[in-house]
């Protein structure tokens, strides 16, 4: 469904994306995980025809994104990181303008359906600036889905939202996926990637350093982590393949050691060398 081949992008002399390659299957939720500045948004812009790579290739549903961008725009939807809504217009006016720009047939009925589907019908005549941050995010997703895209790109759609609203957005993402839509999802929330994604790519300083399912990424390190706090107050971690081994390590380390299952954050720290910047 999506194929990126050695994507490279420079901003001046800085290499923002460095020979990144991956493939995403139809109906998959693929998460690109990395700290701010890792190159996630730059990759989204290249995949969605908004920016040209310095080198490399991109194919979406067999279409060459670089040579034929117009053929790709009709089959994708984009939820940008920024809330690029017209804040002085109402919910329905924002959706209507978007639909007119895309020449959608039966637009009025389609708008009613999409507002109902995303729980926005009661807010249809509300001015956008009066909506909560979570409702604005939901409107961005509804707008992107108005054209019935085959592929939905979501660039950090839950950034700045409180945990409860984030989980509501997760449910929305799952519902969209159940319709057969392929989803490319960027985030710097590790829990989000672990909960939502079929596969995860870990991006660091423009380079894709790992791609696999969250479970496989964790299993490569073992199944259990032993947390220990040293005399200097710093935490250290030892990863074990079985619980008996973890218990032995814990016994040697003393009462301050804690045994727990490995999580995706452990993988990220080991691969990138530092905790993610939230």
C-alpha atoms as a PDB file:
ATOM      1  CA  UNK A   1       0.000   0.000   0.000  1.00  0.00           C
ATOM      2  CA  UNK A   2       2.822   2.421   0.938  1.00  0.00           C
ATOM      3  CA  UNK A   3       6.438   1.984  -0.081  1.00  0.00           C
ATOM      4  CA  UNK A   4       9.232   4.406   0.781  1.00  0.00           C
ATOM      5  CA  UNK A   5      12.646   3.772  -0.744  1.00  0.00           C
ATOM      6  CA  UNK A   6      15.761   5.507   0.611  1.00  0.00           C
ATOM      7  CA  UNK A   7      13.959   8.773   1.365  1.00  0.00           C
ATOM      8  CA  UNK A   8      16.378  11.601   2.028  1.00  0.00           C
ATOM      9  CA  UNK A   9      15.608  15.234   2.779  1.00  0.00           C
ATOM     10  CA  UNK A  10      17.836  18.207   3.573  1.00  0.00           C
ATOM     11  CA  UNK A  11      17.055  21.590   5.081  1.00  0.00           C
ATOM     12  CA  UNK A  12      20.061  23.600   4.059  1.00  0.00           C
ATOM     13  CA  UNK A  13      23.085  21.537   5.042  1.00  0.00           C
ATOM     14  CA  UNK A  14      21.180  19.564   7.691  1.00  0.00           C
ATOM     15  CA  UNK A  15      20.015  16.067   6.801  1.00  0.00           C
ATOM     16  CA  UNK A  16      16.499  15.841   8.292  1.00  0.00           C
ATOM     17  CA  UNK A  17      15.681  12.392   6.838  1.00  0.00           C
ATOM     18  CA  UNK A  18      18.513   9.993   6.040  1.00  0.00           C
ATOM     19  CA  UNK A  19      17.858   7.114   3.587  1.00  0.00           C
ATOM     20  CA  UNK A  20      14.619   5.944   5.215  1.00  0.00           C
ATOM     21  CA  UNK A  21      12.904   2.866   3.728  1.00  0.00           C
ATOM     22  CA  UNK A  22       9.787   0.972   4.803  1.00  0.00           C
ATOM     23  CA  UNK A  23       6.649  -0.731   3.493  1.00  0.00           C
ATOM     24  CA  UNK A  24       3.127  -0.614   4.937  1.00  0.00           C
ATOM     25  CA  UNK A  25       0.471  -3.190   4.123  1.00  0.00           C
ATOM     26  CA  UNK A  26      -3.181  -2.499   3.346  1.00  0.00           C
ATOM     27  CA  UNK A  27      -5.300  -2.109   6.491  1.00  0.00           C
ATOM     28  CA  UNK A  28      -2.294  -1.756   8.780  1.00  0.00           C
ATOM     29  CA  UNK A  29      -1.766   0.836  11.500  1.00  0.00           C
ATOM     30  CA  UNK A  30       1.883   1.795  11.217  1.00  0.00           C
ATOM     31  CA  UNK A  31       3.328   4.047  13.880  1.00  0.00           C
ATOM     32  CA  UNK A  32       6.395   6.198  13.437  1.00  0.00           C
ATOM     33  CA  UNK A  33       7.805   6.815  16.898  1.00  0.00           C
ATOM     34  CA  UNK A  34      10.443   9.389  17.747  1.00  0.00           C
ATOM     35  CA  UNK A  35      11.223  12.540  19.718  1.00  0.00           C
ATOM     36  CA  UNK A  36      10.529  16.043  18.457  1.00  0.00           C
ATOM     37  CA  UNK A  37      12.944  16.884  15.660  1.00  0.00           C
ATOM     38  CA  UNK A  38      13.522  13.267  14.651  1.00  0.00           C
ATOM     39  CA  UNK A  39      12.054  13.811  11.169  1.00  0.00           C
ATOM     40  CA  UNK A  40       8.538  12.397  11.583  1.00  0.00           C
ATOM     41  CA  UNK A  41       6.641  15.401  10.175  1.00  0.00           C
ATOM     42  CA  UNK A  42       9.124  15.742   7.314  1.00  0.00           C
ATOM     43  CA  UNK A  43       8.418  12.141   6.290  1.00  0.00           C
ATOM     44  CA  UNK A  44       4.653  12.755   6.448  1.00  0.00           C
ATOM     45  CA  UNK A  45       5.019  15.838   4.227  1.00  0.00           C
ATOM     46  CA  UNK A  46       6.952  13.836   1.628  1.00  0.00           C
ATOM     47  CA  UNK A  47       4.447  10.971   1.680  1.00  0.00           C
ATOM     48  CA  UNK A  48       1.491  13.360   1.296  1.00  0.00           C
ATOM     49  CA  UNK A  49       2.971  15.305  -1.668  1.00  0.00           C
ATOM     50  CA  UNK A  50       3.632  18.474   0.361  1.00  0.00           C
ATOM     51  CA  UNK A  51       7.414  18.216   0.111  1.00  0.00           C
ATOM     52  CA  UNK A  52       9.783  16.646  -2.408  1.00  0.00           C
ATOM     53  CA  UNK A  53      12.618  14.437  -1.201  1.00  0.00           C
ATOM     54  CA  UNK A  54      16.187  15.202  -2.202  1.00  0.00           C
ATOM     55  CA  UNK A  55      16.418  11.590  -3.304  1.00  0.00           C
ATOM     56  CA  UNK A  56      14.533   8.320  -3.009  1.00  0.00           C
ATOM     57  CA  UNK A  57      11.149   7.073  -4.142  1.00  0.00           C
ATOM     58  CA  UNK A  58       7.599   6.894  -2.785  1.00  0.00           C
ATOM     59  CA  UNK A  59       4.784   4.682  -4.083  1.00  0.00           C
ATOM     60  CA  UNK A  60       1.223   4.654  -2.737  1.00  0.00           C
ATOM     61  CA  UNK A  61      -1.188   2.064  -4.158  1.00  0.00           C
ATOM     62  CA  UNK A  62       1.244   1.656  -7.035  1.00  0.00           C
ATOM     63  CA  UNK A  63       1.275   5.378  -7.837  1.00  0.00           C
ATOM     64  CA  UNK A  64       4.544   7.284  -7.977  1.00  0.00           C
ATOM     65  CA  UNK A  65       4.024  10.103  -5.486  1.00  0.00           C
ATOM     66  CA  UNK A  66       6.861  12.220  -6.863  1.00  0.00           C
ATOM     67  CA  UNK A  67       5.946  11.939 -10.552  1.00  0.00           C
ATOM     68  CA  UNK A  68       2.145  11.895 -10.189  1.00  0.00           C
ATOM     69  CA  UNK A  69       1.183  13.672  -6.941  1.00  0.00           C
ATOM     70  CA  UNK A  70      -2.293  14.546  -8.207  1.00  0.00           C
ATOM     71  CA  UNK A  71      -3.155  10.869  -8.540  1.00  0.00           C
ATOM     72  CA  UNK A  72      -2.224  10.273  -4.903  1.00  0.00           C
ATOM     73  CA  UNK A  73      -4.088  13.211  -3.351  1.00  0.00           C
ATOM     74  CA  UNK A  74      -7.435  11.706  -4.299  1.00  0.00           C
ATOM     75  CA  UNK A  75      -6.921   8.549  -2.241  1.00  0.00           C
ATOM     76  CA  UNK A  76      -5.370   9.932   0.955  1.00  0.00           C
ATOM     77  CA  UNK A  77      -6.574  11.937   3.934  1.00  0.00           C
ATOM     78  CA  UNK A  78      -4.313  13.999   6.179  1.00  0.00           C
ATOM     79  CA  UNK A  79      -4.715  14.975   9.821  1.00  0.00           C
ATOM     80  CA  UNK A  80      -1.974  17.566  10.383  1.00  0.00           C
ATOM     81  CA  UNK A  81      -0.171  18.212  13.631  1.00  0.00           C
ATOM     82  CA  UNK A  82      -1.286  21.854  13.640  1.00  0.00           C
ATOM     83  CA  UNK A  83      -4.969  22.671  14.034  1.00  0.00           C
ATOM     84  CA  UNK A  84      -5.352  24.344  10.655  1.00  0.00           C
ATOM     85  CA  UNK A  85      -9.085  25.003  10.987  1.00  0.00           C
ATOM     86  CA  UNK A  86     -10.745  28.341  10.321  1.00  0.00           C
ATOM     87  CA  UNK A  87     -11.433  29.284  13.923  1.00  0.00           C
ATOM     88  CA  UNK A  88     -13.961  32.001  13.010  1.00  0.00           C
ATOM     89  CA  UNK A  89     -16.182  29.612  11.054  1.00  0.00           C
ATOM     90  CA  UNK A  90     -18.525  26.977  12.422  1.00  0.00           C
ATOM     91  CA  UNK A  91     -17.896  23.240  12.410  1.00  0.00           C
ATOM     92  CA  UNK A  92     -20.189  22.643   9.436  1.00  0.00           C
ATOM     93  CA  UNK A  93     -18.726  25.591   7.499  1.00  0.00           C
ATOM     94  CA  UNK A  94     -15.218  24.177   7.889  1.00  0.00           C
ATOM     95  CA  UNK A  95     -16.367  20.794   6.618  1.00  0.00           C
ATOM     96  CA  UNK A  96     -18.426  22.331   3.803  1.00  0.00           C
ATOM     97  CA  UNK A  97     -15.507  24.347   2.408  1.00  0.00           C
ATOM     98  CA  UNK A  98     -13.265  21.289   2.483  1.00  0.00           C
ATOM     99  CA  UNK A  99     -15.895  19.237   0.678  1.00  0.00           C
ATOM    100  CA  UNK A 100     -16.406  21.901  -1.999  1.00  0.00           C
ATOM    101  CA  UNK A 101     -12.659  22.102  -2.619  1.00  0.00           C
ATOM    102  CA  UNK A 102     -12.656  18.351  -3.233  1.00  0.00           C
ATOM    103  CA  UNK A 103     -15.806  18.411  -5.403  1.00  0.00           C
ATOM    104  CA  UNK A 104     -17.557  15.755  -3.332  1.00  0.00           C
ATOM    105  CA  UNK A 105     -20.875  14.598  -4.755  1.00  0.00           C
ATOM    106  CA  UNK A 106     -23.902  14.521  -2.435  1.00  0.00           C
ATOM    107  CA  UNK A 107     -21.973  16.800  -0.114  1.00  0.00           C
ATOM    108  CA  UNK A 108     -24.806  17.756   2.241  1.00  0.00           C
ATOM    109  CA  UNK A 109     -25.695  14.155   3.012  1.00  0.00           C
ATOM    110  CA  UNK A 110     -22.033  13.219   3.325  1.00  0.00           C
ATOM    111  CA  UNK A 111     -21.456  16.050   5.821  1.00  0.00           C
ATOM    112  CA  UNK A 112     -24.417  14.986   7.943  1.00  0.00           C
ATOM    113  CA  UNK A 113     -23.127  11.415   7.972  1.00  0.00           C
ATOM    114  CA  UNK A 114     -19.575  12.371   8.884  1.00  0.00           C
ATOM    115  CA  UNK A 115     -20.659  14.750  11.664  1.00  0.00           C
ATOM    116  CA  UNK A 116     -22.871  12.037  13.148  1.00  0.00           C
ATOM    117  CA  UNK A 117     -20.158   9.425  12.849  1.00  0.00           C
ATOM    118  CA  UNK A 118     -17.629  11.542  14.749  1.00  0.00           C
ATOM    119  CA  UNK A 119     -20.033  12.839  17.383  1.00  0.00           C
ATOM    120  CA  UNK A 120     -20.028  16.399  16.072  1.00  0.00           C
ATOM    121  CA  UNK A 121     -23.659  16.823  14.996  1.00  0.00           C
ATOM    122  CA  UNK A 122     -24.604  18.689  18.182  1.00  0.00           C
ATOM    123  CA  UNK A 123     -21.721  21.099  17.532  1.00  0.00           C
ATOM    124  CA  UNK A 124     -22.354  21.649  13.829  1.00  0.00           C
ATOM    125  CA  UNK A 125     -23.212  25.341  14.290  1.00  0.00           C
ATOM    126  CA  UNK A 126     -20.583  26.012  16.962  1.00  0.00           C
ATOM    127  CA  UNK A 127     -17.751  28.365  16.051  1.00  0.00           C
ATOM    128  CA  UNK A 128     -14.489  26.392  16.064  1.00  0.00           C
ATOM    129  CA  UNK A 129     -12.678  28.685  18.499  1.00  0.00           C
ATOM    130  CA  UNK A 130     -15.264  27.727  21.125  1.00  0.00           C
ATOM    131  CA  UNK A 131     -14.547  24.009  20.812  1.00  0.00           C
ATOM    132  CA  UNK A 132     -12.298  22.162  23.242  1.00  0.00           C
ATOM    133  CA  UNK A 133      -8.922  20.945  22.024  1.00  0.00           C
ATOM    134  CA  UNK A 134     -10.230  17.393  21.854  1.00  0.00           C
ATOM    135  CA  UNK A 135     -13.245  18.393  19.768  1.00  0.00           C
ATOM    136  CA  UNK A 136     -11.024  20.326  17.384  1.00  0.00           C
ATOM    137  CA  UNK A 137      -8.858  17.232  16.931  1.00  0.00           C
ATOM    138  CA  UNK A 138     -11.970  15.183  16.246  1.00  0.00           C
ATOM    139  CA  UNK A 139     -13.063  17.744  13.651  1.00  0.00           C
ATOM    140  CA  UNK A 140      -9.677  17.478  11.920  1.00  0.00           C
ATOM    141  CA  UNK A 141     -10.104  13.713  11.682  1.00  0.00           C
ATOM    142  CA  UNK A 142     -13.709  14.042  10.458  1.00  0.00           C
ATOM    143  CA  UNK A 143     -12.609  16.521   7.792  1.00  0.00           C
ATOM    144  CA  UNK A 144      -9.873  14.174   6.578  1.00  0.00           C
ATOM    145  CA  UNK A 145     -12.347  11.281   6.372  1.00  0.00           C
ATOM    146  CA  UNK A 146     -14.899  13.277   4.369  1.00  0.00           C
ATOM    147  CA  UNK A 147     -13.391  12.080   1.082  1.00  0.00           C
ATOM    148  CA  UNK A 148     -13.440   8.383   2.064  1.00  0.00           C
ATOM    149  CA  UNK A 149      -9.644   8.023   1.807  1.00  0.00           C
ATOM    150  CA  UNK A 150      -7.974   4.648   1.434  1.00  0.00           C
ATOM    151  CA  UNK A 151      -5.026   5.848   3.498  1.00  0.00           C
ATOM    152  CA  UNK A 152      -5.114   8.220   6.447  1.00  0.00           C
ATOM    153  CA  UNK A 153      -1.995  10.074   7.580  1.00  0.00           C
ATOM    154  CA  UNK A 154      -2.124  11.315  11.172  1.00  0.00           C
ATOM    155  CA  UNK A 155       0.744  13.513  12.346  1.00  0.00           C
ATOM    156  CA  UNK A 156       0.759  13.484  16.172  1.00  0.00           C
ATOM    157  CA  UNK A 157      -3.049  13.789  16.376  1.00  0.00           C
ATOM    158  CA  UNK A 158      -3.138  13.629  20.183  1.00  0.00           C
ATOM    159  CA  UNK A 159      -0.382  16.103  20.957  1.00  0.00           C
ATOM    160  CA  UNK A 160      -1.307  18.440  23.801  1.00  0.00           C
ATOM    161  CA  UNK A 161      -4.416  16.495  24.810  1.00  0.00           C
ATOM    162  CA  UNK A 162      -5.064  15.131  28.281  1.00  0.00           C
ATOM    163  CA  UNK A 163      -4.950  11.311  28.742  1.00  0.00           C
ATOM    164  CA  UNK A 164      -8.716  10.812  28.717  1.00  0.00           C
ATOM    165  CA  UNK A 165      -9.187  12.672  25.414  1.00  0.00           C
ATOM    166  CA  UNK A 166      -6.182  10.873  23.932  1.00  0.00           C
ATOM    167  CA  UNK A 167      -7.828   7.526  24.653  1.00  0.00           C
ATOM    168  CA  UNK A 168     -11.014   8.705  22.928  1.00  0.00           C
ATOM    169  CA  UNK A 169      -8.948   9.540  19.854  1.00  0.00           C
ATOM    170  CA  UNK A 170      -7.405   6.049  20.029  1.00  0.00           C
ATOM    171  CA  UNK A 171     -10.868   4.528  19.836  1.00  0.00           C
ATOM    172  CA  UNK A 172     -11.629   6.713  16.823  1.00  0.00           C
ATOM    173  CA  UNK A 173      -8.458   5.489  15.124  1.00  0.00           C
ATOM    174  CA  UNK A 174      -9.420   1.853  15.753  1.00  0.00           C
ATOM    175  CA  UNK A 175     -12.897   2.441  14.316  1.00  0.00           C
ATOM    176  CA  UNK A 176     -11.406   3.962  11.162  1.00  0.00           C
ATOM    177  CA  UNK A 177      -9.050   1.006  10.788  1.00  0.00           C
ATOM    178  CA  UNK A 178     -12.012  -1.415  11.026  1.00  0.00           C
ATOM    179  CA  UNK A 179     -13.348   0.169   7.833  1.00  0.00           C
ATOM    180  CA  UNK A 180     -10.264  -1.068   6.000  1.00  0.00           C
ATOM    181  CA  UNK A 181      -8.411   2.255   5.990  1.00  0.00           C
ATOM    182  CA  UNK A 182      -4.622   2.052   6.168  1.00  0.00           C
ATOM    183  CA  UNK A 183      -3.282   4.414   8.837  1.00  0.00           C
ATOM    184  CA  UNK A 184       0.153   6.012   9.042  1.00  0.00           C
ATOM    185  CA  UNK A 185       0.483   7.423  12.534  1.00  0.00           C
ATOM    186  CA  UNK A 186       3.298   9.539  13.993  1.00  0.00           C
ATOM    187  CA  UNK A 187       3.697  10.112  17.706  1.00  0.00           C
ATOM    188  CA  UNK A 188       6.206  10.733  20.457  1.00  0.00           C
ATOM    189  CA  UNK A 189       3.938   9.085  23.034  1.00  0.00           C
ATOM    190  CA  UNK A 190       5.403   5.595  23.450  1.00  0.00           C
ATOM    191  CA  UNK A 191       2.289   4.211  25.152  1.00  0.00           C
ATOM    192  CA  UNK A 192       0.240   5.378  22.171  1.00  0.00           C
ATOM    193  CA  UNK A 193       2.418   3.490  19.703  1.00  0.00           C
ATOM    194  CA  UNK A 194       2.355   0.348  21.832  1.00  0.00           C
ATOM    195  CA  UNK A 195      -1.438   0.390  22.250  1.00  0.00           C
ATOM    196  CA  UNK A 196      -2.471   1.285  18.685  1.00  0.00           C
ATOM    197  CA  UNK A 197       0.019   0.074  16.134  1.00  0.00           C
ATOM    198  CA  UNK A 198       0.435  -3.225  14.310  1.00  0.00           C
ATOM    199  CA  UNK A 199       4.034  -2.264  13.617  1.00  0.00           C
ATOM    200  CA  UNK A 200       6.259   0.516  14.839  1.00  0.00           C
ATOM    201  CA  UNK A 201       9.210   2.283  13.254  1.00  0.00           C
ATOM    202  CA  UNK A 202      11.648   4.000  15.612  1.00  0.00           C
ATOM    203  CA  UNK A 203      13.159   7.157  14.184  1.00  0.00           C
ATOM    204  CA  UNK A 204      16.232   8.862  15.614  1.00  0.00           C
ATOM    205  CA  UNK A 205      17.966  11.896  14.107  1.00  0.00           C
ATOM    206  CA  UNK A 206      16.445  11.252  10.713  1.00  0.00           C
ATOM    207  CA  UNK A 207      17.323   7.561  10.593  1.00  0.00           C
ATOM    208  CA  UNK A 208      14.938   4.627  10.880  1.00  0.00           C
ATOM    209  CA  UNK A 209      16.747   2.364  13.343  1.00  0.00           C
ATOM    210  CA  UNK A 210      14.128  -0.363  13.898  1.00  0.00           C
ATOM    211  CA  UNK A 211      10.847  -1.584  12.397  1.00  0.00           C
ATOM    212  CA  UNK A 212       8.749  -4.428  13.833  1.00  0.00           C
ATOM    213  CA  UNK A 213       5.682  -5.208  15.903  1.00  0.00           C
ATOM    214  CA  UNK A 214       5.771  -3.790  19.445  1.00  0.00           C
ATOM    215  CA  UNK A 215       5.808  -7.345  20.800  1.00  0.00           C
ATOM    216  CA  UNK A 216       8.743  -8.438  18.657  1.00  0.00           C
ATOM    217  CA  UNK A 217      10.718  -5.325  19.522  1.00  0.00           C
ATOM    218  CA  UNK A 218      10.216  -6.058  23.216  1.00  0.00           C
ATOM    219  CA  UNK A 219      10.956  -9.773  22.909  1.00  0.00           C
ATOM    220  CA  UNK A 220      14.338  -9.067  21.346  1.00  0.00           C
ATOM    221  CA  UNK A 221      15.421  -7.635  24.695  1.00  0.00           C
ATOM    222  CA  UNK A 222      13.833 -10.291  26.873  1.00  0.00           C
ATOM    223  CA  UNK A 223      10.589 -10.406  28.821  1.00  0.00           C
ATOM    224  CA  UNK A 224      11.435  -8.831  32.161  1.00  0.00           C
ATOM    225  CA  UNK A 225      13.218  -5.714  33.305  1.00  0.00           C
ATOM    226  CA  UNK A 226      14.954  -5.361  36.657  1.00  0.00           C
ATOM    227  CA  UNK A 227      15.049  -1.744  37.789  1.00  0.00           C
ATOM    228  CA  UNK A 228      17.756  -0.770  40.248  1.00  0.00           C
ATOM    229  CA  UNK A 229      18.600   2.579  41.787  1.00  0.00           C
ATOM    230  CA  UNK A 230      22.274   3.125  42.465  1.00  0.00           C
ATOM    231  CA  UNK A 231      23.939   5.059  45.276  1.00  0.00           C
ATOM    232  CA  UNK A 232      24.094   8.085  42.969  1.00  0.00           C
ATOM    233  CA  UNK A 233      20.298   8.009  42.605  1.00  0.00           C
ATOM    234  CA  UNK A 234      20.376   6.973  38.932  1.00  0.00           C
ATOM    235  CA  UNK A 235      18.257   4.117  37.656  1.00  0.00           C
ATOM    236  CA  UNK A 236      19.838   1.202  35.830  1.00  0.00           C
ATOM    237  CA  UNK A 237      18.116  -1.671  34.069  1.00  0.00           C
ATOM    238  CA  UNK A 238      18.931  -5.302  33.393  1.00  0.00           C
ATOM    239  CA  UNK A 239      16.778  -7.230  30.925  1.00  0.00           C
ATOM    240  CA  UNK A 240      16.101 -10.932  31.404  1.00  0.00           C
ATOM    241  CA  UNK A 241      14.583 -13.635  29.236  1.00  0.00           C
ATOM    242  CA  UNK A 242      12.677 -15.373  32.049  1.00  0.00           C
ATOM    243  CA  UNK A 243      11.350 -14.512  35.472  1.00  0.00           C
ATOM    244  CA  UNK A 244      13.632 -16.873  37.407  1.00  0.00           C
ATOM    245  CA  UNK A 245      16.621 -15.118  35.934  1.00  0.00           C
ATOM    246  CA  UNK A 246      15.084 -11.748  36.841  1.00  0.00           C
ATOM    247  CA  UNK A 247      14.508 -12.910  40.422  1.00  0.00           C
ATOM    248  CA  UNK A 248      18.161 -13.992  40.733  1.00  0.00           C
ATOM    249  CA  UNK A 249      19.342 -10.613  39.438  1.00  0.00           C
ATOM    250  CA  UNK A 250      16.972  -8.854  41.820  1.00  0.00           C
ATOM    251  CA  UNK A 251      18.231 -10.870  44.807  1.00  0.00           C
ATOM    252  CA  UNK A 252      21.835  -9.924  44.062  1.00  0.00           C
ATOM    253  CA  UNK A 253      20.878  -6.280  43.581  1.00  0.00           C
ATOM    254  CA  UNK A 254      19.134  -5.901  46.938  1.00  0.00           C
ATOM    255  CA  UNK A 255      15.731  -4.799  48.158  1.00  0.00           C
ATOM    256  CA  UNK A 256      15.648  -1.696  45.953  1.00  0.00           C
ATOM    257  CA  UNK A 257      15.303  -3.767  42.771  1.00  0.00           C
ATOM    258  CA  UNK A 258      11.917  -3.982  41.026  1.00  0.00           C
ATOM    259  CA  UNK A 259      10.906  -6.666  38.520  1.00  0.00           C
ATOM    260  CA  UNK A 260       8.410  -5.765  35.787  1.00  0.00           C
ATOM    261  CA  UNK A 261       7.535  -6.710  32.180  1.00  0.00           C
ATOM    262  CA  UNK A 262       9.543  -4.976  29.460  1.00  0.00           C
ATOM    263  CA  UNK A 263       7.734  -2.127  27.699  1.00  0.00           C
ATOM    264  CA  UNK A 264       8.315  -0.261  24.454  1.00  0.00           C
ATOM    265  CA  UNK A 265       9.938   2.627  26.290  1.00  0.00           C
ATOM    266  CA  UNK A 266      12.720   0.261  27.382  1.00  0.00           C
ATOM    267  CA  UNK A 267      13.285  -0.628  23.727  1.00  0.00           C
ATOM    268  CA  UNK A 268      13.335   3.032  22.729  1.00  0.00           C
ATOM    269  CA  UNK A 269      15.862   3.992  25.405  1.00  0.00           C
ATOM    270  CA  UNK A 270      18.148   1.086  24.513  1.00  0.00           C
ATOM    271  CA  UNK A 271      18.064   1.885  20.787  1.00  0.00           C
ATOM    272  CA  UNK A 272      18.168   5.664  20.935  1.00  0.00           C
ATOM    273  CA  UNK A 273      20.240   6.007  24.095  1.00  0.00           C
ATOM    274  CA  UNK A 274      17.896   8.338  25.942  1.00  0.00           C
ATOM    275  CA  UNK A 275      14.309   8.721  27.067  1.00  0.00           C
ATOM    276  CA  UNK A 276      11.893  10.296  24.630  1.00  0.00           C
ATOM    277  CA  UNK A 277      11.356  14.034  24.927  1.00  0.00           C
ATOM    278  CA  UNK A 278       7.686  14.526  25.795  1.00  0.00           C
END
